Amino acid sequence: MARAATTADTFNALAEPRRRQLVDALADGGERAVNELVHRVELPQPQVSKHLRVLREVGVVDVRDHGRQRLYRLNGRALKPIHDWVSSYERLWSERFDELDLVLDDLKRKEEGDDGGE
């Protein structure tokens, strides 16, 4: 099965760690100019622009012109498919963590019981 194009799918676009860094840099809800993002993620400007283009094409970021600058902001709605996918595993993770808590509590009780007898 052929892999989906990076620009066709939010999951594929965000599979690249540098793009996730850019999303993190925009996560506070504000707008950022390219130069500010370059400093935040410590990548050369051409790479930042390339990654922003991909994120824009899948709808993860929006851009607006402000004078000579282009300002980018996160489009949270585009992240909903990822949220929905991760949420489907939340119940499984919660159940496993609850089971782990029980095991750890049992081990702690046994350890305290052993220490009290000496």
PDB file of N, CA and C in Angstrom:
ATOM      1  N   MET A   1       0.847  -1.178   0.000  1.00  0.00           N
ATOM      2  CA  MET A   1       0.000   0.000   0.000  1.00  0.00           C
ATOM      3  C   MET A   1       0.893   1.242   0.000  1.00  0.00           C
ATOM      4  N   ALA A   2       0.609   2.164  -0.874  1.00  0.00           N
ATOM      5  CA  ALA A   2       1.418   3.377  -0.989  1.00  0.00           C
ATOM      6  C   ALA A   2       1.165   4.299   0.202  1.00  0.00           C
ATOM      7  N   ARG A   3       2.225   4.944   0.637  1.00  0.00           N
ATOM      8  CA  ARG A   3       2.128   5.891   1.743  1.00  0.00           C
ATOM      9  C   ARG A   3       1.477   7.182   1.246  1.00  0.00           C
ATOM     10  N   ALA A   4       0.608   7.751   2.086  1.00  0.00           N
ATOM     11  CA  ALA A   4      -0.059   9.000   1.714  1.00  0.00           C
ATOM     12  C   ALA A   4       0.967  10.123   1.648  1.00  0.00           C
ATOM     13  N   ALA A   5       0.723  11.050   0.750  1.00  0.00           N
ATOM     14  CA  ALA A   5       1.623  12.194   0.619  1.00  0.00           C
ATOM     15  C   ALA A   5       1.610  13.006   1.912  1.00  0.00           C
ATOM     16  N   THR A   6       2.766  13.545   2.250  1.00  0.00           N
ATOM     17  CA  THR A   6       2.902  14.343   3.463  1.00  0.00           C
ATOM     18  C   THR A   6       1.899  15.487   3.484  1.00  0.00           C
ATOM     19  N   THR A   7       1.634  16.066   2.341  1.00  0.00           N
ATOM     20  CA  THR A   7       0.753  17.225   2.287  1.00  0.00           C
ATOM     21  C   THR A   7      -0.719  16.854   2.184  1.00  0.00           C
ATOM     22  N   ALA A   8      -1.046  15.591   2.226  1.00  0.00           N
ATOM     23  CA  ALA A   8      -2.440  15.180   2.100  1.00  0.00           C
ATOM     24  C   ALA A   8      -3.053  14.783   3.429  1.00  0.00           C
ATOM     25  N   ASP A   9      -2.254  14.710   4.460  1.00  0.00           N
ATOM     26  CA  ASP A   9      -2.730  14.090   5.688  1.00  0.00           C
ATOM     27  C   ASP A   9      -2.050  14.722   6.904  1.00  0.00           C
ATOM     28  N   THR A  10      -2.834  15.114   7.880  1.00  0.00           N
ATOM     29  CA  THR A  10      -2.294  15.725   9.096  1.00  0.00           C
ATOM     30  C   THR A  10      -1.345  14.791   9.820  1.00  0.00           C
ATOM     31  N   PHE A  11      -1.686  13.513   9.887  1.00  0.00           N
ATOM     32  CA  PHE A  11      -0.835  12.545  10.579  1.00  0.00           C
ATOM     33  C   PHE A  11       0.555  12.490   9.947  1.00  0.00           C
ATOM     34  N   ASN A  12       0.594  12.386   8.628  1.00  0.00           N
ATOM     35  CA  ASN A  12       1.888  12.332   7.942  1.00  0.00           C
ATOM     36  C   ASN A  12       2.663  13.634   8.087  1.00  0.00           C
ATOM     37  N   ALA A  13       1.965  14.749   8.002  1.00  0.00           N
ATOM     38  CA  ALA A  13       2.648  16.037   8.135  1.00  0.00           C
ATOM     39  C   ALA A  13       3.282  16.176   9.514  1.00  0.00           C
ATOM     40  N   LEU A  14       2.584  15.736  10.553  1.00  0.00           N
ATOM     41  CA  LEU A  14       3.091  15.868  11.914  1.00  0.00           C
ATOM     42  C   LEU A  14       4.012  14.727  12.324  1.00  0.00           C
ATOM     43  N   ALA A  15       4.212  13.769  11.446  1.00  0.00           N
ATOM     44  CA  ALA A  15       5.161  12.690  11.751  1.00  0.00           C
ATOM     45  C   ALA A  15       6.593  13.223  11.765  1.00  0.00           C
ATOM     46  N   GLU A  16       6.821  14.348  11.132  1.00  0.00           N
ATOM     47  CA  GLU A  16       8.151  14.942  11.069  1.00  0.00           C
ATOM     48  C   GLU A  16       8.401  15.755  12.351  1.00  0.00           C
ATOM     49  N   PRO A  17       9.441  15.424  13.125  1.00  0.00           N
ATOM     50  CA  PRO A  17       9.679  16.084  14.417  1.00  0.00           C
ATOM     51  C   PRO A  17       9.825  17.603  14.333  1.00  0.00           C
ATOM     52  N   ARG A  18      10.422  18.120  13.280  1.00  0.00           N
ATOM     53  CA  ARG A  18      10.598  19.576  13.167  1.00  0.00           C
ATOM     54  C   ARG A  18       9.254  20.275  13.015  1.00  0.00           C
ATOM     55  N   ARG A  19       8.326  19.625  12.339  1.00  0.00           N
ATOM     56  CA  ARG A  19       6.989  20.222  12.191  1.00  0.00           C
ATOM     57  C   ARG A  19       6.263  20.227  13.522  1.00  0.00           C
ATOM     58  N   ARG A  20       6.464  19.183  14.308  1.00  0.00           N
ATOM     59  CA  ARG A  20       5.872  19.176  15.652  1.00  0.00           C
ATOM     60  C   ARG A  20       6.466  20.288  16.502  1.00  0.00           C
ATOM     61  N   GLN A  21       7.756  20.577  16.335  1.00  0.00           N
ATOM     62  CA  GLN A  21       8.372  21.701  17.051  1.00  0.00           C
ATOM     63  C   GLN A  21       7.697  23.014  16.671  1.00  0.00           C
ATOM     64  N   LEU A  22       7.415  23.183  15.406  1.00  0.00           N
ATOM     65  CA  LEU A  22       6.744  24.405  14.963  1.00  0.00           C
ATOM     66  C   LEU A  22       5.330  24.497  15.539  1.00  0.00           C
ATOM     67  N   VAL A  23       4.630  23.378  15.564  1.00  0.00           N
ATOM     68  CA  VAL A  23       3.290  23.364  16.167  1.00  0.00           C
ATOM     69  C   VAL A  23       3.386  23.734  17.642  1.00  0.00           C
ATOM     70  N   ASP A  24       4.371  23.178  18.339  1.00  0.00           N
ATOM     71  CA  ASP A  24       4.569  23.527  19.748  1.00  0.00           C
ATOM     72  C   ASP A  24       4.841  25.014  19.919  1.00  0.00           C
ATOM     73  N   ALA A  25       5.627  25.581  19.020  1.00  0.00           N
ATOM     74  CA  ALA A  25       5.967  27.006  19.101  1.00  0.00           C
ATOM     75  C   ALA A  25       4.742  27.891  18.862  1.00  0.00           C
ATOM     76  N   LEU A  26       3.743  27.362  18.199  1.00  0.00           N
ATOM     77  CA  LEU A  26       2.522  28.122  17.921  1.00  0.00           C
ATOM     78  C   LEU A  26       1.378  27.778  18.878  1.00  0.00           C
ATOM     79  N   ALA A  27       1.605  26.857  19.788  1.00  0.00           N
ATOM     80  CA  ALA A  27       0.530  26.299  20.611  1.00  0.00           C
ATOM     81  C   ALA A  27      -0.061  27.278  21.612  1.00  0.00           C
ATOM     82  N   ASP A  28       0.589  28.377  21.903  1.00  0.00           N
ATOM     83  CA  ASP A  28       0.039  29.314  22.887  1.00  0.00           C
ATOM     84  C   ASP A  28      -1.102  30.155  22.320  1.00  0.00           C
ATOM     85  N   GLY A  29      -1.415  29.959  21.060  1.00  0.00           N
ATOM     86  CA  GLY A  29      -2.544  30.645  20.462  1.00  0.00           C
ATOM     87  C   GLY A  29      -2.195  31.958  19.789  1.00  0.00           C
ATOM     88  N   GLY A  30      -0.958  32.379  19.894  1.00  0.00           N
ATOM     89  CA  GLY A  30      -0.564  33.635  19.271  1.00  0.00           C
ATOM     90  C   GLY A  30      -0.108  33.453  17.840  1.00  0.00           C
ATOM     91  N   GLU A  31       0.121  34.566  17.210  1.00  0.00           N
ATOM     92  CA  GLU A  31       0.671  34.568  15.854  1.00  0.00           C
ATOM     93  C   GLU A  31       2.174  34.780  15.940  1.00  0.00           C
ATOM     94  N   ARG A  32       2.888  34.156  15.019  1.00  0.00           N
ATOM     95  CA  ARG A  32       4.345  34.271  14.994  1.00  0.00           C
ATOM     96  C   ARG A  32       4.799  34.528  13.562  1.00  0.00           C
ATOM     97  N   ALA A  33       5.766  35.421  13.438  1.00  0.00           N
ATOM     98  CA  ALA A  33       6.412  35.656  12.155  1.00  0.00           C
ATOM     99  C   ALA A  33       7.443  34.548  11.927  1.00  0.00           C
ATOM    100  N   VAL A  34       7.793  34.338  10.678  1.00  0.00           N
ATOM    101  CA  VAL A  34       8.754  33.297  10.329  1.00  0.00           C
ATOM    102  C   VAL A  34      10.065  33.486  11.097  1.00  0.00           C
ATOM    103  N   ASN A  35      10.563  34.717  11.160  1.00  0.00           N
ATOM    104  CA  ASN A  35      11.834  34.954  11.853  1.00  0.00           C
ATOM    105  C   ASN A  35      11.770  34.569  13.326  1.00  0.00           C
ATOM    106  N   GLU A  36      10.641  34.817  13.969  1.00  0.00           N
ATOM    107  CA  GLU A  36      10.494  34.414  15.371  1.00  0.00           C
ATOM    108  C   GLU A  36      10.495  32.892  15.492  1.00  0.00           C
ATOM    109  N   LEU A  37       9.840  32.227  14.570  1.00  0.00           N
ATOM    110  CA  LEU A  37       9.826  30.759  14.589  1.00  0.00           C
ATOM    111  C   LEU A  37      11.220  30.200  14.327  1.00  0.00           C
ATOM    112  N   VAL A  38      11.980  30.847  13.445  1.00  0.00           N
ATOM    113  CA  VAL A  38      13.361  30.428  13.174  1.00  0.00           C
ATOM    114  C   VAL A  38      14.154  30.433  14.474  1.00  0.00           C
ATOM    115  N   HIS A  39      14.007  31.477  15.268  1.00  0.00           N
ATOM    116  CA  HIS A  39      14.741  31.571  16.540  1.00  0.00           C
ATOM    117  C   HIS A  39      14.225  30.558  17.568  1.00  0.00           C
ATOM    118  N   ARG A  40      12.921  30.336  17.590  1.00  0.00           N
ATOM    119  CA  ARG A  40      12.352  29.407  18.578  1.00  0.00           C
ATOM    120  C   ARG A  40      12.759  27.957  18.322  1.00  0.00           C
ATOM    121  N   VAL A  41      12.777  27.544  17.071  1.00  0.00           N
ATOM    122  CA  VAL A  41      13.078  26.138  16.763  1.00  0.00           C
ATOM    123  C   VAL A  41      14.521  25.919  16.325  1.00  0.00           C
ATOM    124  N   GLU A  42      15.252  27.024  16.196  1.00  0.00           N
ATOM    125  CA  GLU A  42      16.677  26.964  15.860  1.00  0.00           C
ATOM    126  C   GLU A  42      16.964  26.165  14.589  1.00  0.00           C
ATOM    127  N   LEU A  43      16.234  26.525  13.546  1.00  0.00           N
ATOM    128  CA  LEU A  43      16.434  25.951  12.210  1.00  0.00           C
ATOM    129  C   LEU A  43      16.657  27.101  11.234  1.00  0.00           C
ATOM    130  N   PRO A  44      17.335  26.822  10.138  1.00  0.00           N
ATOM    131  CA  PRO A  44      17.495  27.862   9.113  1.00  0.00           C
ATOM    132  C   PRO A  44      16.138  28.275   8.531  1.00  0.00           C
ATOM    133  N   GLN A  45      16.046  29.523   8.140  1.00  0.00           N
ATOM    134  CA  GLN A  45      14.790  30.067   7.623  1.00  0.00           C
ATOM    135  C   GLN A  45      14.216  29.262   6.455  1.00  0.00           C
ATOM    136  N   PRO A  46      15.029  28.827   5.481  1.00  0.00           N
ATOM    137  CA  PRO A  46      14.435  28.044   4.377  1.00  0.00           C
ATOM    138  C   PRO A  46      13.754  26.749   4.856  1.00  0.00           C
ATOM    139  N   GLN A  47      14.344  26.096   5.859  1.00  0.00           N
ATOM    140  CA  GLN A  47      13.720  24.866   6.379  1.00  0.00           C
ATOM    141  C   GLN A  47      12.416  25.176   7.097  1.00  0.00           C
ATOM    142  N   VAL A  48      12.421  26.239   7.908  1.00  0.00           N
ATOM    143  CA  VAL A  48      11.196  26.622   8.609  1.00  0.00           C
ATOM    144  C   VAL A  48      10.101  26.942   7.595  1.00  0.00           C
ATOM    145  N   SER A  49      10.426  27.701   6.567  1.00  0.00           N
ATOM    146  CA  SER A  49       9.437  28.046   5.548  1.00  0.00           C
ATOM    147  C   SER A  49       8.905  26.800   4.842  1.00  0.00           C
ATOM    148  N   LYS A  50       9.781  25.859   4.560  1.00  0.00           N
ATOM    149  CA  LYS A  50       9.359  24.615   3.902  1.00  0.00           C
ATOM    150  C   LYS A  50       8.380  23.838   4.780  1.00  0.00           C
ATOM    151  N   HIS A  51       8.708  23.717   6.064  1.00  0.00           N
ATOM    152  CA  HIS A  51       7.831  22.987   6.981  1.00  0.00           C
ATOM    153  C   HIS A  51       6.510  23.718   7.191  1.00  0.00           C
ATOM    154  N   LEU A  52       6.558  25.046   7.258  1.00  0.00           N
ATOM    155  CA  LEU A  52       5.325  25.819   7.400  1.00  0.00           C
ATOM    156  C   LEU A  52       4.432  25.645   6.185  1.00  0.00           C
ATOM    157  N   ARG A  53       5.038  25.543   5.005  1.00  0.00           N
ATOM    158  CA  ARG A  53       4.249  25.327   3.787  1.00  0.00           C
ATOM    159  C   ARG A  53       3.479  24.010   3.875  1.00  0.00           C
ATOM    160  N   VAL A  54       4.159  22.959   4.341  1.00  0.00           N
ATOM    161  CA  VAL A  54       3.497  21.654   4.477  1.00  0.00           C
ATOM    162  C   VAL A  54       2.369  21.757   5.497  1.00  0.00           C
ATOM    163  N   LEU A  55       2.640  22.378   6.637  1.00  0.00           N
ATOM    164  CA  LEU A  55       1.615  22.515   7.675  1.00  0.00           C
ATOM    165  C   LEU A  55       0.434  23.348   7.170  1.00  0.00           C
ATOM    166  N   ARG A  56       0.714  24.346   6.366  1.00  0.00           N
ATOM    167  CA  ARG A  56      -0.349  25.169   5.791  1.00  0.00           C
ATOM    168  C   ARG A  56      -1.189  24.353   4.809  1.00  0.00           C
ATOM    169  N   GLU A  57      -0.538  23.524   4.001  1.00  0.00           N
ATOM    170  CA  GLU A  57      -1.252  22.739   2.990  1.00  0.00           C
ATOM    171  C   GLU A  57      -2.200  21.723   3.609  1.00  0.00           C
ATOM    172  N   VAL A  58      -1.869  21.202   4.792  1.00  0.00           N
ATOM    173  CA  VAL A  58      -2.784  20.256   5.446  1.00  0.00           C
ATOM    174  C   VAL A  58      -3.742  20.963   6.395  1.00  0.00           C
ATOM    175  N   GLY A  59      -3.594  22.287   6.521  1.00  0.00           N
ATOM    176  CA  GLY A  59      -4.524  23.064   7.323  1.00  0.00           C
ATOM    177  C   GLY A  59      -4.169  23.208   8.793  1.00  0.00           C
ATOM    178  N   VAL A  60      -2.998  22.742   9.204  1.00  0.00           N
ATOM    179  CA  VAL A  60      -2.609  22.818  10.615  1.00  0.00           C
ATOM    180  C   VAL A  60      -2.276  24.250  11.019  1.00  0.00           C
ATOM    181  N   VAL A  61      -1.761  25.036  10.091  1.00  0.00           N
ATOM    182  CA  VAL A  61      -1.503  26.449  10.380  1.00  0.00           C
ATOM    183  C   VAL A  61      -2.226  27.308   9.362  1.00  0.00           C
ATOM    184  N   ASP A  62      -2.592  28.484   9.828  1.00  0.00           N
ATOM    185  CA  ASP A  62      -3.150  29.516   8.955  1.00  0.00           C
ATOM    186  C   ASP A  62      -2.109  30.621   8.856  1.00  0.00           C
ATOM    187  N   VAL A  63      -2.152  31.360   7.768  1.00  0.00           N
ATOM    188  CA  VAL A  63      -1.193  32.445   7.563  1.00  0.00           C
ATOM    189  C   VAL A  63      -1.943  33.684   7.101  1.00  0.00           C
ATOM    190  N   ARG A  64      -1.434  34.828   7.558  1.00  0.00           N
ATOM    191  CA  ARG A  64      -1.975  36.089   7.048  1.00  0.00           C
ATOM    192  C   ARG A  64      -0.818  37.046   6.834  1.00  0.00           C
ATOM    193  N   ASP A  65      -0.970  37.866   5.817  1.00  0.00           N
ATOM    194  CA  ASP A  65       0.043  38.872   5.525  1.00  0.00           C
ATOM    195  C   ASP A  65      -0.195  40.089   6.408  1.00  0.00           C
ATOM    196  N   HIS A  66       0.896  40.596   6.974  1.00  0.00           N
ATOM    197  CA  HIS A  66       0.845  41.803   7.795  1.00  0.00           C
ATOM    198  C   HIS A  66       2.022  42.669   7.373  1.00  0.00           C
ATOM    199  N   GLY A  67       1.759  43.593   6.472  1.00  0.00           N
ATOM    200  CA  GLY A  67       2.849  44.379   5.903  1.00  0.00           C
ATOM    201  C   GLY A  67       3.761  43.460   5.105  1.00  0.00           C
ATOM    202  N   ARG A  68       5.040  43.480   5.465  1.00  0.00           N
ATOM    203  CA  ARG A  68       6.013  42.634   4.759  1.00  0.00           C
ATOM    204  C   ARG A  68       6.166  41.268   5.414  1.00  0.00           C
ATOM    205  N   GLN A  69       5.476  41.053   6.507  1.00  0.00           N
ATOM    206  CA  GLN A  69       5.602  39.784   7.226  1.00  0.00           C
ATOM    207  C   GLN A  69       4.430  38.864   6.931  1.00  0.00           C
ATOM    208  N   ARG A  70       4.707  37.582   7.111  1.00  0.00           N
ATOM    209  CA  ARG A  70       3.651  36.571   7.082  1.00  0.00           C
ATOM    210  C   ARG A  70       3.549  36.044   8.503  1.00  0.00           C
ATOM    211  N   LEU A  71       2.370  36.114   9.066  1.00  0.00           N
ATOM    212  CA  LEU A  71       2.150  35.661  10.437  1.00  0.00           C
ATOM    213  C   LEU A  71       1.408  34.336  10.424  1.00  0.00           C
ATOM    214  N   TYR A  72       1.922  33.393  11.200  1.00  0.00           N
ATOM    215  CA  TYR A  72       1.358  32.048  11.260  1.00  0.00           C
ATOM    216  C   TYR A  72       0.698  31.835  12.604  1.00  0.00           C
ATOM    217  N   ARG A  73      -0.389  31.086  12.585  1.00  0.00           N
ATOM    218  CA  ARG A  73      -1.056  30.690  13.823  1.00  0.00           C
ATOM    219  C   ARG A  73      -1.581  29.272  13.655  1.00  0.00           C
ATOM    220  N   LEU A  74      -1.722  28.600  14.766  1.00  0.00           N
ATOM    221  CA  LEU A  74      -2.179  27.215  14.782  1.00  0.00           C
ATOM    222  C   LEU A  74      -3.679  27.153  14.510  1.00  0.00           C
ATOM    223  N   ASN A  75      -4.086  26.182  13.723  1.00  0.00           N
ATOM    224  CA  ASN A  75      -5.499  25.919  13.478  1.00  0.00           C
ATOM    225  C   ASN A  75      -5.841  24.640  14.241  1.00  0.00           C
ATOM    226  N   GLY A  76      -6.319  24.796  15.455  1.00  0.00           N
ATOM    227  CA  GLY A  76      -6.598  23.655  16.328  1.00  0.00           C
ATOM    228  C   GLY A  76      -7.585  22.653  15.753  1.00  0.00           C
ATOM    229  N   ARG A  77      -8.527  23.133  14.966  1.00  0.00           N
ATOM    230  CA  ARG A  77      -9.519  22.212  14.377  1.00  0.00           C
ATOM    231  C   ARG A  77      -8.863  21.156  13.499  1.00  0.00           C
ATOM    232  N   ALA A  78      -7.763  21.515  12.867  1.00  0.00           N
ATOM    233  CA  ALA A  78      -7.077  20.560  11.996  1.00  0.00           C
ATOM    234  C   ALA A  78      -6.437  19.430  12.798  1.00  0.00           C
ATOM    235  N   LEU A  79      -6.235  19.655  14.103  1.00  0.00           N
ATOM    236  CA  LEU A  79      -5.633  18.625  14.955  1.00  0.00           C
ATOM    237  C   LEU A  79      -6.678  17.668  15.526  1.00  0.00           C
ATOM    238  N   LYS A  80      -7.955  17.938  15.297  1.00  0.00           N
ATOM    239  CA  LYS A  80      -9.016  17.098  15.851  1.00  0.00           C
ATOM    240  C   LYS A  80      -8.906  15.623  15.463  1.00  0.00           C
ATOM    241  N   PRO A  81      -8.573  15.287  14.208  1.00  0.00           N
ATOM    242  CA  PRO A  81      -8.436  13.857  13.893  1.00  0.00           C
ATOM    243  C   PRO A  81      -7.377  13.167  14.759  1.00  0.00           C
ATOM    244  N   ILE A  82      -6.308  13.866  15.065  1.00  0.00           N
ATOM    245  CA  ILE A  82      -5.271  13.284  15.925  1.00  0.00           C
ATOM    246  C   ILE A  82      -5.804  13.141  17.344  1.00  0.00           C
ATOM    247  N   HIS A  83      -6.489  14.158  17.832  1.00  0.00           N
ATOM    248  CA  HIS A  83      -7.086  14.096  19.164  1.00  0.00           C
ATOM    249  C   HIS A  83      -8.062  12.928  19.260  1.00  0.00           C
ATOM    250  N   ASP A  84      -8.917  12.788  18.256  1.00  0.00           N
ATOM    251  CA  ASP A  84      -9.906  11.704  18.267  1.00  0.00           C
ATOM    252  C   ASP A  84      -9.226  10.343  18.270  1.00  0.00           C
ATOM    253  N   TRP A  85      -8.170  10.193  17.497  1.00  0.00           N
ATOM    254  CA  TRP A  85      -7.461   8.918  17.429  1.00  0.00           C
ATOM    255  C   TRP A  85      -6.813   8.588  18.769  1.00  0.00           C
ATOM    256  N   VAL A  86      -6.127   9.557  19.353  1.00  0.00           N
ATOM    257  CA  VAL A  86      -5.471   9.333  20.642  1.00  0.00           C
ATOM    258  C   VAL A  86      -6.520   9.069  21.725  1.00  0.00           C
ATOM    259  N   SER A  87      -7.633   9.776  21.672  1.00  0.00           N
ATOM    260  CA  SER A  87      -8.691   9.597  22.674  1.00  0.00           C
ATOM    261  C   SER A  87      -9.241   8.176  22.672  1.00  0.00           C
ATOM    262  N   SER A  88      -9.216   7.541  21.514  1.00  0.00           N
ATOM    263  CA  SER A  88      -9.732   6.175  21.447  1.00  0.00           C
ATOM    264  C   SER A  88      -8.895   5.220  22.288  1.00  0.00           C
ATOM    265  N   TYR A  89      -7.677   5.591  22.596  1.00  0.00           N
ATOM    266  CA  TYR A  89      -6.813   4.762  23.425  1.00  0.00           C
ATOM    267  C   TYR A  89      -6.819   5.179  24.893  1.00  0.00           C
ATOM    268  N   GLU A  90      -7.451   6.284  25.199  1.00  0.00           N
ATOM    269  CA  GLU A  90      -7.427   6.814  26.566  1.00  0.00           C
ATOM    270  C   GLU A  90      -7.995   5.812  27.576  1.00  0.00           C
ATOM    271  N   ARG A  91      -9.119   5.178  27.253  1.00  0.00           N
ATOM    272  CA  ARG A  91      -9.727   4.215  28.169  1.00  0.00           C
ATOM    273  C   ARG A  91      -8.780   3.047  28.431  1.00  0.00           C
ATOM    274  N   LEU A  92      -8.146   2.543  27.377  1.00  0.00           N
ATOM    275  CA  LEU A  92      -7.198   1.433  27.529  1.00  0.00           C
ATOM    276  C   LEU A  92      -6.046   1.840  28.441  1.00  0.00           C
ATOM    277  N   TRP A  93      -5.479   3.009  28.213  1.00  0.00           N
ATOM    278  CA  TRP A  93      -4.368   3.473  29.042  1.00  0.00           C
ATOM    279  C   TRP A  93      -4.804   3.647  30.490  1.00  0.00           C
ATOM    280  N   SER A  94      -5.991   4.231  30.698  1.00  0.00           N
ATOM    281  CA  SER A  94      -6.494   4.447  32.058  1.00  0.00           C
ATOM    282  C   SER A  94      -6.678   3.120  32.791  1.00  0.00           C
ATOM    283  N   GLU A  95      -7.236   2.137  32.100  1.00  0.00           N
ATOM    284  CA  GLU A  95      -7.417   0.821  32.719  1.00  0.00           C
ATOM    285  C   GLU A  95      -6.078   0.193  33.095  1.00  0.00           C
ATOM    286  N   ARG A  96      -5.103   0.296  32.219  1.00  0.00           N
ATOM    287  CA  ARG A  96      -3.790  -0.287  32.508  1.00  0.00           C
ATOM    288  C   ARG A  96      -3.085   0.435  33.640  1.00  0.00           C
ATOM    289  N   PHE A  97      -3.206   1.742  33.693  1.00  0.00           N
ATOM    290  CA  PHE A  97      -2.599   2.490  34.801  1.00  0.00           C
ATOM    291  C   PHE A  97      -3.290   2.157  36.119  1.00  0.00           C
ATOM    292  N   ASP A  98      -4.613   1.968  36.083  1.00  0.00           N
ATOM    293  CA  ASP A  98      -5.326   1.559  37.298  1.00  0.00           C
ATOM    294  C   ASP A  98      -4.832   0.195  37.780  1.00  0.00           C
ATOM    295  N   GLU A  99      -4.646  -0.740  36.848  1.00  0.00           N
ATOM    296  CA  GLU A  99      -4.125  -2.063  37.206  1.00  0.00           C
ATOM    297  C   GLU A  99      -2.716  -1.953  37.775  1.00  0.00           C
ATOM    298  N   LEU A 100      -1.886  -1.110  37.183  1.00  0.00           N
ATOM    299  CA  LEU A 100      -0.532  -0.906  37.680  1.00  0.00           C
ATOM    300  C   LEU A 100      -0.558  -0.321  39.088  1.00  0.00           C
ATOM    301  N   ASP A 101      -1.450   0.618  39.340  1.00  0.00           N
ATOM    302  CA  ASP A 101      -1.584   1.187  40.687  1.00  0.00           C
ATOM    303  C   ASP A 101      -1.904   0.101  41.713  1.00  0.00           C
ATOM    304  N   LEU A 102      -2.789  -0.824  41.346  1.00  0.00           N
ATOM    305  CA  LEU A 102      -3.140  -1.922  42.265  1.00  0.00           C
ATOM    306  C   LEU A 102      -1.930  -2.802  42.556  1.00  0.00           C
ATOM    307  N   VAL A 103      -1.177  -3.125  41.522  1.00  0.00           N
ATOM    308  CA  VAL A 103       0.028  -3.946  41.701  1.00  0.00           C
ATOM    309  C   VAL A 103       1.036  -3.224  42.583  1.00  0.00           C
ATOM    310  N   LEU A 104       1.255  -1.960  42.339  1.00  0.00           N
ATOM    311  CA  LEU A 104       2.214  -1.192  43.131  1.00  0.00           C
ATOM    312  C   LEU A 104       1.760  -1.068  44.584  1.00  0.00           C
ATOM    313  N   ASP A 105       0.462  -0.838  44.801  1.00  0.00           N
ATOM    314  CA  ASP A 105      -0.059  -0.780  46.167  1.00  0.00           C
ATOM    315  C   ASP A 105       0.140  -2.115  46.884  1.00  0.00           C
ATOM    316  N   ASP A 106      -0.107  -3.212  46.173  1.00  0.00           N
ATOM    317  CA  ASP A 106       0.078  -4.543  46.757  1.00  0.00           C
ATOM    318  C   ASP A 106       1.546  -4.773  47.115  1.00  0.00           C
ATOM    319  N   LEU A 107       2.459  -4.407  46.224  1.00  0.00           N
ATOM    320  CA  LEU A 107       3.888  -4.561  46.509  1.00  0.00           C
ATOM    321  C   LEU A 107       4.307  -3.707  47.703  1.00  0.00           C
ATOM    322  N   LYS A 108       3.766  -2.517  47.794  1.00  0.00           N
ATOM    323  CA  LYS A 108       4.095  -1.623  48.900  1.00  0.00           C
ATOM    324  C   LYS A 108       3.602  -2.208  50.225  1.00  0.00           C
ATOM    325  N   ARG A 109       2.389  -2.751  50.229  1.00  0.00           N
ATOM    326  CA  ARG A 109       1.855  -3.374  51.452  1.00  0.00           C
ATOM    327  C   ARG A 109       2.699  -4.571  51.866  1.00  0.00           C
ATOM    328  N   LYS A 110       3.099  -5.378  50.890  1.00  0.00           N
ATOM    329  CA  LYS A 110       3.930  -6.547  51.201  1.00  0.00           C
ATOM    330  C   LYS A 110       5.279  -6.111  51.755  1.00  0.00           C
ATOM    331  N   GLU A 111       5.857  -5.078  51.170  1.00  0.00           N
ATOM    332  CA  GLU A 111       7.155  -4.578  51.620  1.00  0.00           C
ATOM    333  C   GLU A 111       7.051  -4.027  53.042  1.00  0.00           C
ATOM    334  N   GLU A 112       5.995  -3.288  53.307  1.00  0.00           N
ATOM    335  CA  GLU A 112       5.790  -2.748  54.655  1.00  0.00           C
ATOM    336  C   GLU A 112       5.544  -3.869  55.651  1.00  0.00           C
ATOM    337  N   GLY A 113       4.858  -4.911  55.225  1.00  0.00           N
ATOM    338  CA  GLY A 113       4.603  -6.061  56.109  1.00  0.00           C
ATOM    339  C   GLY A 113       5.892  -6.799  56.433  1.00  0.00           C
ATOM    340  N   ASP A 114       6.801  -6.922  55.457  1.00  0.00           N
ATOM    341  CA  ASP A 114       8.091  -7.601  55.693  1.00  0.00           C
ATOM    342  C   ASP A 114       8.961  -6.798  56.624  1.00  0.00           C
ATOM    343  N   ASP A 115       8.973  -5.476  56.477  1.00  0.00           N
ATOM    344  CA  ASP A 115       9.810  -4.624  57.311  1.00  0.00           C
ATOM    345  C   ASP A 115       9.336  -4.622  58.745  1.00  0.00           C
ATOM    346  N   GLY A 116       8.031  -4.722  58.961  1.00  0.00           N
ATOM    347  CA  GLY A 116       7.489  -4.665  60.316  1.00  0.00           C
ATOM    348  C   GLY A 116       7.811  -5.903  61.133  1.00  0.00           C
ATOM    349  N   GLY A 117       8.141  -7.010  60.526  1.00  0.00           N
ATOM    350  CA  GLY A 117       8.401  -8.255  61.245  1.00  0.00           C
ATOM    351  C   GLY A 117       9.816  -8.386  61.704  1.00  0.00           C
ATOM    352  N   GLU A 118      10.727  -7.546  61.274  1.00  0.00           N
ATOM    353  CA  GLU A 118      12.127  -7.703  61.625  1.00  0.00           C
ATOM    354  C   GLU A 118      12.483  -6.952  62.843  1.00  0.00           C
TER     355      GLU A 118
END
